[in-house]
Structure formats: structure tokens, C-alpha cells
Amino acid sequence: MEDVNFSGIDRSILLDIARMEMPYGKYKGWKLKSLPEPYLVWMKGQGFPKGRLGMLLSTLYEIKLNGLEFLLKKL
């Protein structure tokens, strides 16, 4: 799946997920894309934080849940 069509995807969101570090908690300092899926599932149950971080974590949750990690591989 090397040739991915990004026409319907906001590439800046994927770049932020790949580059941004978790600012707090057990995984502080980890790149968002490296957060384990069970942590994202737990966080979904607790409620994602407000703002851009919450949106990025929610997007990452959907990416991992649907097996779309390849979207982040080359970023």
C-alpha cells in the first residue's frame, strides 16, 4: 500500500500525529503515533481532552482501530 491517495485527508493532522509528543500522563514524551491502542481505548472511555490534542488522539484511535497505521509509516 505504498501509493496512498491523500486527497480526502488533512495531511497536517497526520503530520501532527506523527510528530507531536504526548504532553502528560503515563506516556508523556511519547510520539502520539507510538501510543499503544489499549491506552487510546482507555482514553476514549474516559473522554478525550478538549482541543486539538483531543482531536488528534481521537483520530489516532480511529486509525489504529481500523488498521490504518500505514497512513503514518512514511511521515
N, C-alpha and C. Protein backbone atom coordinates (compact mmCIF):
# COMPACT_ATOMS: atom_id res chain seq x y z
N MET A 1 0.82 -1.19 0.00
CA MET A 1 0.00 0.00 0.00
C MET A 1 0.87 1.25 0.00
N GLU A 2 1.81 1.31 -0.87
CA GLU A 2 2.71 2.45 -0.92
C GLU A 2 2.08 3.66 -1.57
N ASP A 3 1.22 3.47 -2.54
CA ASP A 3 0.62 4.58 -3.25
C ASP A 3 -0.72 4.92 -2.61
N VAL A 4 -0.69 5.84 -1.63
CA VAL A 4 -1.89 6.21 -0.90
C VAL A 4 -2.40 7.54 -1.42
N ASN A 5 -3.70 7.62 -1.67
CA ASN A 5 -4.32 8.85 -2.13
C ASN A 5 -4.73 9.66 -0.90
N PHE A 6 -4.07 10.80 -0.70
CA PHE A 6 -4.34 11.66 0.45
C PHE A 6 -5.33 12.77 0.12
N SER A 7 -6.03 12.69 -1.00
CA SER A 7 -6.89 13.79 -1.43
C SER A 7 -8.00 14.11 -0.43
N GLY A 8 -8.51 13.13 0.30
CA GLY A 8 -9.58 13.39 1.24
C GLY A 8 -9.12 13.51 2.68
N ILE A 9 -7.80 13.57 2.89
CA ILE A 9 -7.24 13.57 4.24
C ILE A 9 -6.48 14.87 4.48
N ASP A 10 -6.71 15.49 5.63
CA ASP A 10 -5.94 16.67 6.01
C ASP A 10 -4.57 16.20 6.46
N ARG A 11 -3.60 16.35 5.58
CA ARG A 11 -2.25 15.85 5.84
C ARG A 11 -1.64 16.46 7.10
N SER A 12 -2.01 17.69 7.46
CA SER A 12 -1.44 18.32 8.65
C SER A 12 -1.83 17.55 9.92
N ILE A 13 -3.00 16.94 9.92
CA ILE A 13 -3.42 16.13 11.07
C ILE A 13 -2.51 14.92 11.20
N LEU A 14 -2.25 14.24 10.09
CA LEU A 14 -1.37 13.07 10.12
C LEU A 14 0.04 13.47 10.54
N LEU A 15 0.52 14.60 10.04
CA LEU A 15 1.86 15.07 10.41
C LEU A 15 1.93 15.38 11.90
N ASP A 16 0.90 16.01 12.44
CA ASP A 16 0.89 16.31 13.88
C ASP A 16 0.86 15.03 14.70
N ILE A 17 0.10 14.04 14.29
CA ILE A 17 0.06 12.75 15.00
C ILE A 17 1.44 12.10 14.97
N ALA A 18 2.14 12.22 13.85
CA ALA A 18 3.46 11.60 13.71
C ALA A 18 4.53 12.33 14.51
N ARG A 19 4.40 13.64 14.66
CA ARG A 19 5.49 14.45 15.24
C ARG A 19 5.26 14.89 16.69
N MET A 20 3.99 15.07 17.07
CA MET A 20 3.69 15.62 18.39
C MET A 20 3.91 14.59 19.49
N GLU A 21 4.39 15.09 20.64
CA GLU A 21 4.59 14.22 21.80
C GLU A 21 3.41 14.38 22.76
N MET A 22 3.11 13.29 23.45
CA MET A 22 2.08 13.32 24.48
C MET A 22 2.57 14.24 25.59
N PRO A 23 1.78 15.27 25.94
CA PRO A 23 2.27 16.27 26.90
C PRO A 23 2.15 15.90 28.38
N TYR A 24 1.45 14.81 28.70
CA TYR A 24 1.25 14.47 30.11
C TYR A 24 0.92 12.98 30.26
N GLY A 25 0.88 12.53 31.52
CA GLY A 25 0.44 11.19 31.83
C GLY A 25 1.51 10.11 31.69
N LYS A 26 1.05 8.89 31.74
CA LYS A 26 1.91 7.72 31.70
C LYS A 26 2.83 7.70 30.49
N TYR A 27 2.36 8.22 29.37
CA TYR A 27 3.13 8.18 28.12
C TYR A 27 3.67 9.56 27.75
N LYS A 28 3.88 10.42 28.72
CA LYS A 28 4.44 11.75 28.47
C LYS A 28 5.76 11.61 27.71
N GLY A 29 5.90 12.41 26.65
CA GLY A 29 7.11 12.38 25.85
C GLY A 29 7.08 11.40 24.68
N TRP A 30 6.11 10.50 24.66
CA TRP A 30 5.97 9.55 23.54
C TRP A 30 5.35 10.29 22.36
N LYS A 31 5.79 9.94 21.15
CA LYS A 31 5.12 10.44 19.96
C LYS A 31 3.70 9.89 19.97
N LEU A 32 2.73 10.72 19.59
CA LEU A 32 1.34 10.26 19.60
C LEU A 32 1.18 8.97 18.80
N LYS A 33 1.83 8.88 17.64
CA LYS A 33 1.66 7.70 16.79
C LYS A 33 2.15 6.42 17.47
N SER A 34 2.98 6.56 18.51
CA SER A 34 3.52 5.39 19.22
C SER A 34 2.68 4.96 20.41
N LEU A 35 1.65 5.72 20.73
CA LEU A 35 0.81 5.34 21.87
C LEU A 35 0.15 4.00 21.62
N PRO A 36 0.14 3.12 22.63
CA PRO A 36 -0.49 1.81 22.43
C PRO A 36 -2.01 1.91 22.30
N GLU A 37 -2.56 1.04 21.49
CA GLU A 37 -4.00 1.04 21.26
C GLU A 37 -4.80 0.88 22.56
N PRO A 38 -4.40 -0.01 23.49
CA PRO A 38 -5.18 -0.12 24.74
C PRO A 38 -5.27 1.20 25.51
N TYR A 39 -4.23 2.01 25.44
CA TYR A 39 -4.26 3.32 26.09
C TYR A 39 -5.29 4.23 25.42
N LEU A 40 -5.32 4.20 24.09
CA LEU A 40 -6.29 5.02 23.36
C LEU A 40 -7.72 4.55 23.63
N VAL A 41 -7.92 3.24 23.76
CA VAL A 41 -9.24 2.70 24.10
C VAL A 41 -9.65 3.19 25.49
N TRP A 42 -8.70 3.12 26.44
CA TRP A 42 -8.98 3.61 27.80
C TRP A 42 -9.32 5.09 27.77
N MET A 43 -8.51 5.86 27.02
CA MET A 43 -8.74 7.30 26.96
C MET A 43 -10.10 7.62 26.33
N LYS A 44 -10.50 6.86 25.34
CA LYS A 44 -11.82 7.07 24.73
C LYS A 44 -12.90 6.88 25.79
N GLY A 45 -12.74 5.86 26.63
CA GLY A 45 -13.70 5.61 27.70
C GLY A 45 -13.76 6.73 28.73
N GLN A 46 -12.61 7.36 28.96
CA GLN A 46 -12.53 8.47 29.91
C GLN A 46 -13.00 9.78 29.30
N GLY A 47 -12.90 9.84 27.98
CA GLY A 47 -13.21 11.08 27.25
C GLY A 47 -11.91 11.74 26.81
N PHE A 48 -11.77 11.93 25.51
CA PHE A 48 -10.57 12.60 25.00
C PHE A 48 -10.56 14.04 25.50
N PRO A 49 -9.35 14.60 25.69
CA PRO A 49 -9.29 16.00 26.12
C PRO A 49 -9.87 16.93 25.06
N LYS A 50 -10.18 18.12 25.46
CA LYS A 50 -10.71 19.12 24.52
C LYS A 50 -9.58 19.68 23.66
N GLY A 51 -9.94 20.31 22.59
CA GLY A 51 -8.97 20.99 21.75
C GLY A 51 -8.30 20.10 20.72
N ARG A 52 -7.22 20.61 20.17
CA ARG A 52 -6.51 19.91 19.09
C ARG A 52 -5.97 18.57 19.56
N LEU A 53 -5.41 18.50 20.78
CA LEU A 53 -4.87 17.24 21.28
C LEU A 53 -5.95 16.16 21.29
N GLY A 54 -7.12 16.49 21.78
CA GLY A 54 -8.22 15.52 21.81
C GLY A 54 -8.62 15.07 20.42
N MET A 55 -8.64 16.01 19.48
CA MET A 55 -8.97 15.66 18.10
C MET A 55 -7.91 14.73 17.51
N LEU A 56 -6.64 15.02 17.78
CA LEU A 56 -5.56 14.17 17.27
C LEU A 56 -5.62 12.78 17.87
N LEU A 57 -5.85 12.69 19.17
CA LEU A 57 -5.95 11.38 19.83
C LEU A 57 -7.16 10.60 19.33
N SER A 58 -8.27 11.28 19.13
CA SER A 58 -9.46 10.63 18.60
C SER A 58 -9.21 10.10 17.18
N THR A 59 -8.52 10.90 16.38
CA THR A 59 -8.18 10.48 15.02
C THR A 59 -7.24 9.28 15.05
N LEU A 60 -6.24 9.34 15.93
CA LEU A 60 -5.30 8.22 16.07
C LEU A 60 -6.03 6.96 16.52
N TYR A 61 -6.97 7.10 17.43
CA TYR A 61 -7.79 5.96 17.88
C TYR A 61 -8.48 5.31 16.68
N GLU A 62 -9.09 6.11 15.83
CA GLU A 62 -9.79 5.57 14.66
C GLU A 62 -8.81 4.93 13.67
N ILE A 63 -7.64 5.54 13.51
CA ILE A 63 -6.62 4.98 12.61
C ILE A 63 -6.21 3.60 13.10
N LYS A 64 -5.90 3.49 14.39
CA LYS A 64 -5.45 2.20 14.94
C LYS A 64 -6.57 1.18 14.97
N LEU A 65 -7.76 1.61 15.33
CA LEU A 65 -8.92 0.71 15.41
C LEU A 65 -9.22 0.08 14.05
N ASN A 66 -9.01 0.85 12.99
CA ASN A 66 -9.34 0.39 11.64
C ASN A 66 -8.15 -0.13 10.85
N GLY A 67 -7.01 -0.33 11.54
CA GLY A 67 -5.84 -0.89 10.89
C GLY A 67 -5.23 -0.01 9.81
N LEU A 68 -5.27 1.30 10.02
CA LEU A 68 -4.77 2.23 9.02
C LEU A 68 -3.43 2.86 9.40
N GLU A 69 -2.65 2.17 10.24
CA GLU A 69 -1.37 2.70 10.69
C GLU A 69 -0.43 3.00 9.52
N PHE A 70 -0.63 2.33 8.40
CA PHE A 70 0.21 2.58 7.22
C PHE A 70 0.16 4.04 6.79
N LEU A 71 -0.91 4.75 7.16
CA LEU A 71 -1.01 6.17 6.82
C LEU A 71 0.07 7.00 7.51
N LEU A 72 0.59 6.48 8.62
CA LEU A 72 1.56 7.22 9.42
C LEU A 72 3.00 6.74 9.18
N LYS A 73 3.18 5.62 8.50
CA LYS A 73 4.51 4.99 8.37
C LYS A 73 5.56 5.90 7.78
N LYS A 74 5.26 6.60 6.71
CA LYS A 74 6.28 7.38 6.00
C LYS A 74 6.35 8.83 6.46
N LEU A 75 5.61 9.17 7.51
CA LEU A 75 5.60 10.56 7.98
C LEU A 75 6.68 10.76 9.05
